[in-house]
Amino acid sequence: ALLEEVQIPDPERALRKLPGEFSGGQRQRLMITMALLTAPDLIIAD
């Protein structure tokens, strides 16, 4: 659900891909996804 929200195309297929198959912008969207999935109170973005 969150992969769809961050606009990663075809989330089911995306989960089966290796990191090298994504662009830099897509990889940063994936990092934002992983940060938000834990339901944090604070995100540190360096």
All heavy atoms as atom14 arrays in JSON, in Angstrom:
{
  "sequence": "ALLEEVQIPDPERALRKLPGEFSGGQRQRLMITMALLTAPDLIIAD",
  "atom14_mask": [
    [1, 1, 1, 1, 1, 0, 0, 0, 0, 0, 0, 0, 0, 0],
    [1, 1, 1, 1, 1, 1, 1, 1, 0, 0, 0, 0, 0, 0],
    [1, 1, 1, 1, 1, 1, 1, 1, 0, 0, 0, 0, 0, 0],
    [1, 1, 1, 1, 1, 1, 1, 1, 1, 0, 0, 0, 0, 0],
    [1, 1, 1, 1, 1, 1, 1, 1, 1, 0, 0, 0, 0, 0],
    [1, 1, 1, 1, 1, 1, 1, 0, 0, 0, 0, 0, 0, 0],
    [1, 1, 1, 1, 1, 1, 1, 1, 1, 0, 0, 0, 0, 0],
    [1, 1, 1, 1, 1, 1, 1, 1, 0, 0, 0, 0, 0, 0],
    [1, 1, 1, 1, 1, 1, 1, 0, 0, 0, 0, 0, 0, 0],
    [1, 1, 1, 1, 1, 1, 1, 1, 0, 0, 0, 0, 0, 0],
    [1, 1, 1, 1, 1, 1, 1, 0, 0, 0, 0, 0, 0, 0],
    [1, 1, 1, 1, 1, 1, 1, 1, 1, 0, 0, 0, 0, 0],
    [1, 1, 1, 1, 1, 1, 1, 1, 1, 1, 1, 0, 0, 0],
    [1, 1, 1, 1, 1, 0, 0, 0, 0, 0, 0, 0, 0, 0],
    [1, 1, 1, 1, 1, 1, 1, 1, 0, 0, 0, 0, 0, 0],
    [1, 1, 1, 1, 1, 1, 1, 1, 1, 1, 1, 0, 0, 0],
    [1, 1, 1, 1, 1, 1, 1, 1, 1, 0, 0, 0, 0, 0],
    [1, 1, 1, 1, 1, 1, 1, 1, 0, 0, 0, 0, 0, 0],
    [1, 1, 1, 1, 1, 1, 1, 0, 0, 0, 0, 0, 0, 0],
    [1, 1, 1, 1, 0, 0, 0, 0, 0, 0, 0, 0, 0, 0],
    [1, 1, 1, 1, 1, 1, 1, 1, 1, 0, 0, 0, 0, 0],
    [1, 1, 1, 1, 1, 1, 1, 1, 1, 1, 1, 0, 0, 0],
    [1, 1, 1, 1, 1, 1, 0, 0, 0, 0, 0, 0, 0, 0],
    [1, 1, 1, 1, 0, 0, 0, 0, 0, 0, 0, 0, 0, 0],
    [1, 1, 1, 1, 0, 0, 0, 0, 0, 0, 0, 0, 0, 0],
    [1, 1, 1, 1, 1, 1, 1, 1, 1, 0, 0, 0, 0, 0],
    [1, 1, 1, 1, 1, 1, 1, 1, 1, 1, 1, 0, 0, 0],
    [1, 1, 1, 1, 1, 1, 1, 1, 1, 0, 0, 0, 0, 0],
    [1, 1, 1, 1, 1, 1, 1, 1, 1, 1, 1, 0, 0, 0],
    [1, 1, 1, 1, 1, 1, 1, 1, 0, 0, 0, 0, 0, 0],
    [1, 1, 1, 1, 1, 1, 1, 1, 0, 0, 0, 0, 0, 0],
    [1, 1, 1, 1, 1, 1, 1, 1, 0, 0, 0, 0, 0, 0],
    [1, 1, 1, 1, 1, 1, 1, 0, 0, 0, 0, 0, 0, 0],
    [1, 1, 1, 1, 1, 1, 1, 1, 0, 0, 0, 0, 0, 0],
    [1, 1, 1, 1, 1, 0, 0, 0, 0, 0, 0, 0, 0, 0],
    [1, 1, 1, 1, 1, 1, 1, 1, 0, 0, 0, 0, 0, 0],
    [1, 1, 1, 1, 1, 1, 1, 1, 0, 0, 0, 0, 0, 0],
    [1, 1, 1, 1, 1, 1, 1, 0, 0, 0, 0, 0, 0, 0],
    [1, 1, 1, 1, 1, 0, 0, 0, 0, 0, 0, 0, 0, 0],
    [1, 1, 1, 1, 1, 1, 1, 0, 0, 0, 0, 0, 0, 0],
    [1, 1, 1, 1, 1, 1, 1, 1, 0, 0, 0, 0, 0, 0],
    [1, 1, 1, 1, 1, 1, 1, 1, 0, 0, 0, 0, 0, 0],
    [1, 1, 1, 1, 1, 1, 1, 1, 0, 0, 0, 0, 0, 0],
    [1, 1, 1, 1, 1, 1, 1, 1, 0, 0, 0, 0, 0, 0],
    [1, 1, 1, 1, 1, 0, 0, 0, 0, 0, 0, 0, 0, 0],
    [1, 1, 1, 1, 1, 1, 1, 1, 0, 0, 0, 0, 0, 0]
  ],
  "atom14_positions": [
    [[0.83, -1.21, 0.0], [0.0, 0.0, 0.0], [0.86, 1.26, 0.0], [0.58, 2.23, -0.72], [-0.93, -0.01, 1.21], [0.0, 0.0, 0.0], [0.0, 0.0, 0.0], [0.0, 0.0, 0.0], [0.0, 0.0, 0.0], [0.0, 0.0, 0.0], [0.0, 0.0, 0.0], [0.0, 0.0, 0.0], [0.0, 0.0, 0.0], [0.0, 0.0, 0.0]],
    [[1.94, 1.24, 0.79], [2.78, 2.42, 0.86], [3.62, 2.59, -0.41], [3.87, 3.71, -0.86], [3.69, 2.35, 2.09], [4.43, 3.63, 2.48], [3.5, 4.84, 2.54], [5.14, 3.44, 3.82], [0.0, 0.0, 0.0], [0.0, 0.0, 0.0], [0.0, 0.0, 0.0], [0.0, 0.0, 0.0], [0.0, 0.0, 0.0], [0.0, 0.0, 0.0]],
    [[4.04, 1.48, -1.01], [4.76, 1.58, -2.29], [3.89, 2.24, -3.35], [4.38, 3.03, -4.16], [5.19, 0.19, -2.75], [6.37, -0.44, -2.01], [6.55, -1.89, -2.44], [7.65, 0.34, -2.26], [0.0, 0.0, 0.0], [0.0, 0.0, 0.0], [0.0, 0.0, 0.0], [0.0, 0.0, 0.0], [0.0, 0.0, 0.0], [0.0, 0.0, 0.0]],
    [[2.62, 1.92, -3.33], [1.7, 2.56, -4.27], [1.56, 4.05, -3.95], [1.5, 4.89, -4.85], [0.34, 1.87, -4.22], [-0.63, 2.38, -5.26], [-1.9, 1.54, -5.34], [-1.96, 0.49, -4.7], [-2.83, 1.97, -6.05], [0.0, 0.0, 0.0], [0.0, 0.0, 0.0], [0.0, 0.0, 0.0], [0.0, 0.0, 0.0], [0.0, 0.0, 0.0]],
    [[1.54, 4.37, -2.66], [1.38, 5.77, -2.25], [2.6, 6.62, -2.65], [2.45, 7.8, -2.98], [1.16, 5.85, -0.73], [0.64, 7.19, -0.27], [0.2, 7.17, 1.18], [0.12, 6.08, 1.78], [-0.05, 8.26, 1.72], [0.0, 0.0, 0.0], [0.0, 0.0, 0.0], [0.0, 0.0, 0.0], [0.0, 0.0, 0.0], [0.0, 0.0, 0.0]],
    [[3.79, 6.02, -2.62], [4.98, 6.77, -3.02], [5.23, 6.68, -4.53], [6.26, 7.11, -5.02], [6.24, 6.31, -2.25], [6.06, 6.48, -0.76], [6.63, 4.88, -2.61], [0.0, 0.0, 0.0], [0.0, 0.0, 0.0], [0.0, 0.0, 0.0], [0.0, 0.0, 0.0], [0.0, 0.0, 0.0], [0.0, 0.0, 0.0], [0.0, 0.0, 0.0]],
    [[4.28, 6.12, -5.22], [4.25, 6.11, -6.69], [5.35, 5.23, -7.3], [5.99, 5.59, -8.29], [4.35, 7.54, -7.23], [3.21, 8.43, -6.77], [3.45, 9.9, -7.03], [4.34, 10.28, -7.77], [2.65, 10.75, -6.38], [0.0, 0.0, 0.0], [0.0, 0.0, 0.0], [0.0, 0.0, 0.0], [0.0, 0.0, 0.0], [0.0, 0.0, 0.0]],
    [[5.56, 4.04, -6.69], [6.4, 3.02, -7.29], [5.49, 2.16, -8.19], [4.53, 1.57, -7.7], [7.06, 2.12, -6.23], [8.06, 2.93, -5.4], [7.76, 0.93, -6.87], [9.29, 3.41, -6.14], [0.0, 0.0, 0.0], [0.0, 0.0, 0.0], [0.0, 0.0, 0.0], [0.0, 0.0, 0.0], [0.0, 0.0, 0.0], [0.0, 0.0, 0.0]],
    [[5.76, 2.09, -9.49], [4.88, 1.33, -10.4], [4.85, -0.15, -10.05], [5.89, -0.74, -9.71], [5.52, 1.56, -11.78], [6.39, 2.76, -11.62], [6.87, 2.75, -10.21], [0.0, 0.0, 0.0], [0.0, 0.0, 0.0], [0.0, 0.0, 0.0], [0.0, 0.0, 0.0], [0.0, 0.0, 0.0], [0.0, 0.0, 0.0], [0.0, 0.0, 0.0]],
    [[3.66, -0.76, -10.13], [3.47, -2.2, -9.95], [4.19, -2.7, -8.69], [5.2, -3.42, -8.78], [3.97, -2.95, -11.18], [3.48, -4.39, -11.21], [2.87, -4.85, -10.22], [3.73, -5.07, -12.22], [0.0, 0.0, 0.0], [0.0, 0.0, 0.0], [0.0, 0.0, 0.0], [0.0, 0.0, 0.0], [0.0, 0.0, 0.0], [0.0, 0.0, 0.0]],
    [[3.67, -2.36, -7.5], [4.36, -2.72, -6.25], [4.66, -4.21, -6.1], [5.72, -4.58, -5.59], [3.38, -2.25, -5.17], [2.65, -1.12, -5.81], [2.48, -1.52, -7.24], [0.0, 0.0, 0.0], [0.0, 0.0, 0.0], [0.0, 0.0, 0.0], [0.0, 0.0, 0.0], [0.0, 0.0, 0.0], [0.0, 0.0, 0.0], [0.0, 0.0, 0.0]],
    [[3.74, -5.08, -6.55], [3.98, -6.52, -6.43], [5.25, -6.9, -7.19], [6.09, -7.66, -6.7], [2.78, -7.3, -6.97], [1.6, -7.4, -6.03], [1.77, -8.51, -5.0], [2.85, -9.12, -4.96], [0.83, -8.74, -4.23], [0.0, 0.0, 0.0], [0.0, 0.0, 0.0], [0.0, 0.0, 0.0], [0.0, 0.0, 0.0], [0.0, 0.0, 0.0]],
    [[5.38, -6.41, -8.4], [6.56, -6.71, -9.22], [7.81, -6.03, -8.64], [8.91, -6.58, -8.7], [6.32, -6.25, -10.66], [7.41, -6.63, -11.63], [6.93, -6.5, -13.06], [8.02, -6.7, -14.0], [8.71, -5.74, -14.59], [8.41, -4.47, -14.33], [9.69, -6.01, -15.43], [0.0, 0.0, 0.0], [0.0, 0.0, 0.0], [0.0, 0.0, 0.0]],
    [[7.63, -4.83, -8.07], [8.76, -4.1, -7.5], [9.43, -4.88, -6.37], [10.66, -4.85, -6.22], [8.31, -2.73, -6.99], [0.0, 0.0, 0.0], [0.0, 0.0, 0.0], [0.0, 0.0, 0.0], [0.0, 0.0, 0.0], [0.0, 0.0, 0.0], [0.0, 0.0, 0.0], [0.0, 0.0, 0.0], [0.0, 0.0, 0.0], [0.0, 0.0, 0.0]],
    [[8.65, -5.58, -5.57], [9.21, -6.35, -4.47], [10.13, -7.46, -4.95], [11.01, -7.92, -4.2], [8.09, -6.95, -3.61], [7.24, -5.96, -2.79], [6.19, -6.71, -2.0], [8.13, -5.14, -1.84], [0.0, 0.0, 0.0], [0.0, 0.0, 0.0], [0.0, 0.0, 0.0], [0.0, 0.0, 0.0], [0.0, 0.0, 0.0], [0.0, 0.0, 0.0]],
    [[9.95, -7.91, -6.19], [10.76, -9.0, -6.72], [12.02, -8.51, -7.44], [12.82, -9.31, -7.9], [9.92, -9.85, -7.68], [8.71, -10.51, -7.02], [8.08, -11.57, -7.91], [7.52, -11.01, -9.14], [6.26, -10.57, -9.25], [5.44, -10.62, -8.2], [5.81, -10.09, -10.4], [0.0, 0.0, 0.0], [0.0, 0.0, 0.0], [0.0, 0.0, 0.0]],
    [[12.18, -7.17, -7.52], [13.33, -6.61, -8.24], [14.53, -6.43, -7.32], [14.4, -6.3, -6.1], [12.96, -5.25, -8.83], [12.0, -5.3, -10.0], [11.79, -3.89, -10.55], [10.91, -3.87, -11.78], [10.76, -2.5, -12.31], [0.0, 0.0, 0.0], [0.0, 0.0, 0.0], [0.0, 0.0, 0.0], [0.0, 0.0, 0.0], [0.0, 0.0, 0.0]],
    [[15.72, -6.38, -7.93], [16.94, -6.02, -7.23], [17.09, -4.5, -7.21], [16.54, -3.79, -8.07], [18.15, -6.64, -7.93], [18.25, -8.17, -7.86], [19.34, -8.67, -8.8], [18.54, -8.63, -6.44], [0.0, 0.0, 0.0], [0.0, 0.0, 0.0], [0.0, 0.0, 0.0], [0.0, 0.0, 0.0], [0.0, 0.0, 0.0], [0.0, 0.0, 0.0]],
    [[17.82, -3.95, -6.23], [17.97, -2.48, -6.15], [18.5, -1.84, -7.43], [18.09, -0.73, -7.78], [18.97, -2.31, -5.0], [18.75, -3.51, -4.14], [18.44, -4.63, -5.09], [0.0, 0.0, 0.0], [0.0, 0.0, 0.0], [0.0, 0.0, 0.0], [0.0, 0.0, 0.0], [0.0, 0.0, 0.0], [0.0, 0.0, 0.0], [0.0, 0.0, 0.0]],
    [[19.39, -2.54, -8.13], [19.97, -1.98, -9.35], [18.98, -1.78, -10.48], [19.3, -1.11, -11.48], [0.0, 0.0, 0.0], [0.0, 0.0, 0.0], [0.0, 0.0, 0.0], [0.0, 0.0, 0.0], [0.0, 0.0, 0.0], [0.0, 0.0, 0.0], [0.0, 0.0, 0.0], [0.0, 0.0, 0.0], [0.0, 0.0, 0.0], [0.0, 0.0, 0.0]],
    [[17.78, -2.33, -10.35], [16.75, -2.19, -11.39], [15.92, -0.92, -11.21], [15.0, -0.69, -11.99], [15.86, -3.43, -11.41], [16.6, -4.72, -11.73], [15.68, -5.92, -11.71], [14.84, -6.06, -12.63], [15.79, -6.73, -10.77], [0.0, 0.0, 0.0], [0.0, 0.0, 0.0], [0.0, 0.0, 0.0], [0.0, 0.0, 0.0], [0.0, 0.0, 0.0]],
    [[16.23, -0.14, -10.17], [15.49, 1.1, -9.91], [16.39, 2.31, -10.17], [17.61, 2.25, -10.0], [15.01, 1.15, -8.46], [13.98, 0.1, -8.11], [14.37, -1.13, -7.62], [12.63, 0.35, -8.28], [13.44, -2.09, -7.29], [11.68, -0.6, -7.96], [12.09, -1.83, -7.46], [0.0, 0.0, 0.0], [0.0, 0.0, 0.0], [0.0, 0.0, 0.0]],
    [[15.78, 3.42, -10.55], [16.5, 4.67, -10.7], [16.82, 5.24, -9.32], [16.3, 4.79, -8.3], [15.67, 5.68, -11.49], [14.54, 6.08, -10.73], [0.0, 0.0, 0.0], [0.0, 0.0, 0.0], [0.0, 0.0, 0.0], [0.0, 0.0, 0.0], [0.0, 0.0, 0.0], [0.0, 0.0, 0.0], [0.0, 0.0, 0.0], [0.0, 0.0, 0.0]],
    [[17.68, 6.28, -9.29], [18.02, 6.91, -8.03], [16.8, 7.49, -7.32], [16.64, 7.34, -6.1], [0.0, 0.0, 0.0], [0.0, 0.0, 0.0], [0.0, 0.0, 0.0], [0.0, 0.0, 0.0], [0.0, 0.0, 0.0], [0.0, 0.0, 0.0], [0.0, 0.0, 0.0], [0.0, 0.0, 0.0], [0.0, 0.0, 0.0], [0.0, 0.0, 0.0]],
    [[15.93, 8.15, -8.07], [14.72, 8.71, -7.47], [13.8, 7.64, -6.92], [13.2, 7.8, -5.85], [0.0, 0.0, 0.0], [0.0, 0.0, 0.0], [0.0, 0.0, 0.0], [0.0, 0.0, 0.0], [0.0, 0.0, 0.0], [0.0, 0.0, 0.0], [0.0, 0.0, 0.0], [0.0, 0.0, 0.0], [0.0, 0.0, 0.0], [0.0, 0.0, 0.0]],
    [[13.68, 6.51, -7.63], [12.86, 5.41, -7.15], [13.46, 4.8, -5.89], [12.73, 4.43, -4.96], [12.7, 4.36, -8.24], [11.79, 4.78, -9.38], [11.73, 3.75, -10.49], [12.72, 3.07, -10.79], [10.57, 3.62, -11.11], [0.0, 0.0, 0.0], [0.0, 0.0, 0.0], [0.0, 0.0, 0.0], [0.0, 0.0, 0.0], [0.0, 0.0, 0.0]],
    [[14.78, 4.68, -5.84], [15.41, 4.14, -4.65], [15.19, 5.04, -3.44], [15.01, 4.55, -2.32], [16.91, 3.91, -4.89], [17.19, 2.53, -5.44], [18.67, 2.28, -5.63], [19.12, 2.73, -6.93], [20.22, 2.31, -7.52], [21.02, 1.46, -6.91], [20.57, 2.75, -8.71], [0.0, 0.0, 0.0], [0.0, 0.0, 0.0], [0.0, 0.0, 0.0]],
    [[15.19, 6.34, -3.65], [14.92, 7.22, -2.52], [13.46, 7.11, -2.1], [13.15, 7.21, -0.9], [15.28, 8.67, -2.89], [15.5, 9.58, -1.69], [16.61, 9.13, -0.76], [16.47, 8.13, -0.05], [17.71, 9.85, -0.74], [0.0, 0.0, 0.0], [0.0, 0.0, 0.0], [0.0, 0.0, 0.0], [0.0, 0.0, 0.0], [0.0, 0.0, 0.0]],
    [[12.56, 6.89, -3.02], [11.16, 6.63, -2.67], [11.04, 5.34, -1.86], [10.24, 5.24, -0.91], [10.29, 6.54, -3.92], [10.11, 7.87, -4.66], [9.43, 7.68, -6.01], [9.45, 8.91, -6.79], [8.47, 9.82, -6.78], [7.39, 9.61, -6.05], [8.57, 10.91, -7.51], [0.0, 0.0, 0.0], [0.0, 0.0, 0.0], [0.0, 0.0, 0.0]],
    [[11.84, 4.35, -2.22], [11.86, 3.09, -1.46], [12.38, 3.33, -0.04], [11.87, 2.74, 0.93], [12.71, 2.05, -2.17], [12.14, 1.5, -3.49], [13.2, 0.68, -4.22], [10.9, 0.64, -3.23], [0.0, 0.0, 0.0], [0.0, 0.0, 0.0], [0.0, 0.0, 0.0], [0.0, 0.0, 0.0], [0.0, 0.0, 0.0], [0.0, 0.0, 0.0]],
    [[13.4, 4.19, 0.1], [13.92, 4.5, 1.43], [12.87, 5.22, 2.27], [12.74, 4.97, 3.48], [15.18, 5.36, 1.32], [16.4, 4.64, 0.76], [16.83, 3.11, 1.63], [16.94, 3.66, 3.32], [0.0, 0.0, 0.0], [0.0, 0.0, 0.0], [0.0, 0.0, 0.0], [0.0, 0.0, 0.0], [0.0, 0.0, 0.0], [0.0, 0.0, 0.0]],
    [[12.11, 6.13, 1.66], [11.04, 6.81, 2.38], [9.98, 5.8, 2.81], [9.44, 5.86, 3.92], [10.43, 7.92, 1.5], [11.46, 9.05, 1.3], [9.16, 8.49, 2.13], [11.04, 10.1, 0.29], [0.0, 0.0, 0.0], [0.0, 0.0, 0.0], [0.0, 0.0, 0.0], [0.0, 0.0, 0.0], [0.0, 0.0, 0.0], [0.0, 0.0, 0.0]],
    [[9.68, 4.85, 1.94], [8.74, 3.78, 2.28], [9.2, 3.02, 3.51], [8.42, 2.8, 4.46], [8.58, 2.81, 1.1], [8.04, 3.51, -0.02], [7.65, 1.65, 1.44], [0.0, 0.0, 0.0], [0.0, 0.0, 0.0], [0.0, 0.0, 0.0], [0.0, 0.0, 0.0], [0.0, 0.0, 0.0], [0.0, 0.0, 0.0], [0.0, 0.0, 0.0]],
    [[10.45, 2.6, 3.52], [10.97, 1.82, 4.64], [10.98, 2.63, 5.93], [10.74, 2.1, 7.02], [12.37, 1.3, 4.31], [12.36, 0.28, 3.18], [14.0, -0.32, 2.71], [14.38, -1.42, 4.07], [0.0, 0.0, 0.0], [0.0, 0.0, 0.0], [0.0, 0.0, 0.0], [0.0, 0.0, 0.0], [0.0, 0.0, 0.0], [0.0, 0.0, 0.0]],
    [[11.24, 3.93, 5.82], [11.22, 4.78, 7.01], [9.82, 4.9, 7.59], [9.63, 4.85, 8.81], [11.77, 6.17, 6.67], [0.0, 0.0, 0.0], [0.0, 0.0, 0.0], [0.0, 0.0, 0.0], [0.0, 0.0, 0.0], [0.0, 0.0, 0.0], [0.0, 0.0, 0.0], [0.0, 0.0, 0.0], [0.0, 0.0, 0.0], [0.0, 0.0, 0.0]],
    [[8.81, 5.03, 6.73], [7.44, 5.25, 7.19], [6.75, 3.96, 7.64], [5.81, 4.01, 8.44], [6.62, 5.92, 6.1], [6.94, 7.4, 5.83], [6.26, 7.88, 4.56], [6.51, 8.26, 7.02], [0.0, 0.0, 0.0], [0.0, 0.0, 0.0], [0.0, 0.0, 0.0], [0.0, 0.0, 0.0], [0.0, 0.0, 0.0], [0.0, 0.0, 0.0]],
    [[7.19, 2.81, 7.12], [6.53, 1.54, 7.45], [6.57, 1.22, 8.94], [5.7, 0.51, 9.45], [7.15, 0.4, 6.65], [6.63, 0.2, 5.24], [7.46, -0.84, 4.49], [5.16, -0.22, 5.25], [0.0, 0.0, 0.0], [0.0, 0.0, 0.0], [0.0, 0.0, 0.0], [0.0, 0.0, 0.0], [0.0, 0.0, 0.0], [0.0, 0.0, 0.0]],
    [[7.58, 1.71, 9.65], [7.68, 1.41, 11.07], [6.82, 2.34, 11.94], [6.86, 2.25, 13.16], [9.15, 1.52, 11.54], [9.6, 2.87, 11.39], [10.04, 0.59, 10.71], [0.0, 0.0, 0.0], [0.0, 0.0, 0.0], [0.0, 0.0, 0.0], [0.0, 0.0, 0.0], [0.0, 0.0, 0.0], [0.0, 0.0, 0.0], [0.0, 0.0, 0.0]],
    [[6.03, 3.22, 11.29], [5.18, 4.19, 11.98], [5.98, 5.02, 12.98], [5.67, 5.07, 14.18], [4.01, 3.48, 12.68], [0.0, 0.0, 0.0], [0.0, 0.0, 0.0], [0.0, 0.0, 0.0], [0.0, 0.0, 0.0], [0.0, 0.0, 0.0], [0.0, 0.0, 0.0], [0.0, 0.0, 0.0], [0.0, 0.0, 0.0], [0.0, 0.0, 0.0]],
    [[7.04, 5.71, 12.51], [7.9, 6.47, 13.44], [7.24, 7.75, 13.91], [6.28, 8.24, 13.31], [9.13, 6.77, 12.57], [8.55, 6.91, 11.19], [7.45, 5.87, 11.11], [0.0, 0.0, 0.0], [0.0, 0.0, 0.0], [0.0, 0.0, 0.0], [0.0, 0.0, 0.0], [0.0, 0.0, 0.0], [0.0, 0.0, 0.0], [0.0, 0.0, 0.0]],
    [[7.79, 8.3, 14.98], [7.41, 9.64, 15.44], [8.31, 10.7, 14.81], [7.92, 11.85, 14.68], [7.52, 9.73, 16.96], [6.6, 8.75, 17.67], [5.37, 8.87, 17.48], [7.1, 7.87, 18.37], [0.0, 0.0, 0.0], [0.0, 0.0, 0.0], [0.0, 0.0, 0.0], [0.0, 0.0, 0.0], [0.0, 0.0, 0.0], [0.0, 0.0, 0.0]],
    [[9.55, 10.28, 14.46], [10.54, 11.21, 13.93], [11.29, 10.55, 12.78], [11.72, 9.4, 12.9], [11.53, 11.63, 15.02], [12.74, 12.48, 14.6], [12.31, 13.85, 14.13], [13.74, 12.59, 15.75], [0.0, 0.0, 0.0], [0.0, 0.0, 0.0], [0.0, 0.0, 0.0], [0.0, 0.0, 0.0], [0.0, 0.0, 0.0], [0.0, 0.0, 0.0]],
    [[11.45, 11.28, 11.68], [12.3, 10.84, 10.57], [13.47, 11.8, 10.48], [13.29, 13.02, 10.47], [11.53, 10.82, 9.24], [10.5, 9.69, 9.23], [12.5, 10.65, 8.06], [9.65, 9.65, 7.97], [0.0, 0.0, 0.0], [0.0, 0.0, 0.0], [0.0, 0.0, 0.0], [0.0, 0.0, 0.0], [0.0, 0.0, 0.0], [0.0, 0.0, 0.0]],
    [[14.67, 11.25, 10.43], [15.86, 12.05, 10.19], [16.28, 11.84, 8.74], [16.58, 10.71, 8.33], [17.0, 11.67, 11.15], [16.58, 12.0, 12.58], [18.29, 12.39, 10.78], [17.59, 11.64, 13.63], [0.0, 0.0, 0.0], [0.0, 0.0, 0.0], [0.0, 0.0, 0.0], [0.0, 0.0, 0.0], [0.0, 0.0, 0.0], [0.0, 0.0, 0.0]],
    [[16.25, 12.89, 7.96], [16.6, 12.83, 6.54], [17.88, 13.63, 6.33], [17.89, 14.85, 6.44], [15.46, 13.4, 5.68], [0.0, 0.0, 0.0], [0.0, 0.0, 0.0], [0.0, 0.0, 0.0], [0.0, 0.0, 0.0], [0.0, 0.0, 0.0], [0.0, 0.0, 0.0], [0.0, 0.0, 0.0], [0.0, 0.0, 0.0], [0.0, 0.0, 0.0]],
    [[18.97, 12.91, 6.04], [20.29, 13.54, 5.93], [20.56, 13.9, 4.48], [21.01, 13.06, 3.7], [21.36, 12.58, 6.47], [22.75, 13.2, 6.47], [22.84, 14.44, 6.4], [23.73, 12.45, 6.52], [0.0, 0.0, 0.0], [0.0, 0.0, 0.0], [0.0, 0.0, 0.0], [0.0, 0.0, 0.0], [0.0, 0.0, 0.0], [0.0, 0.0, 0.0]]
  ]
}
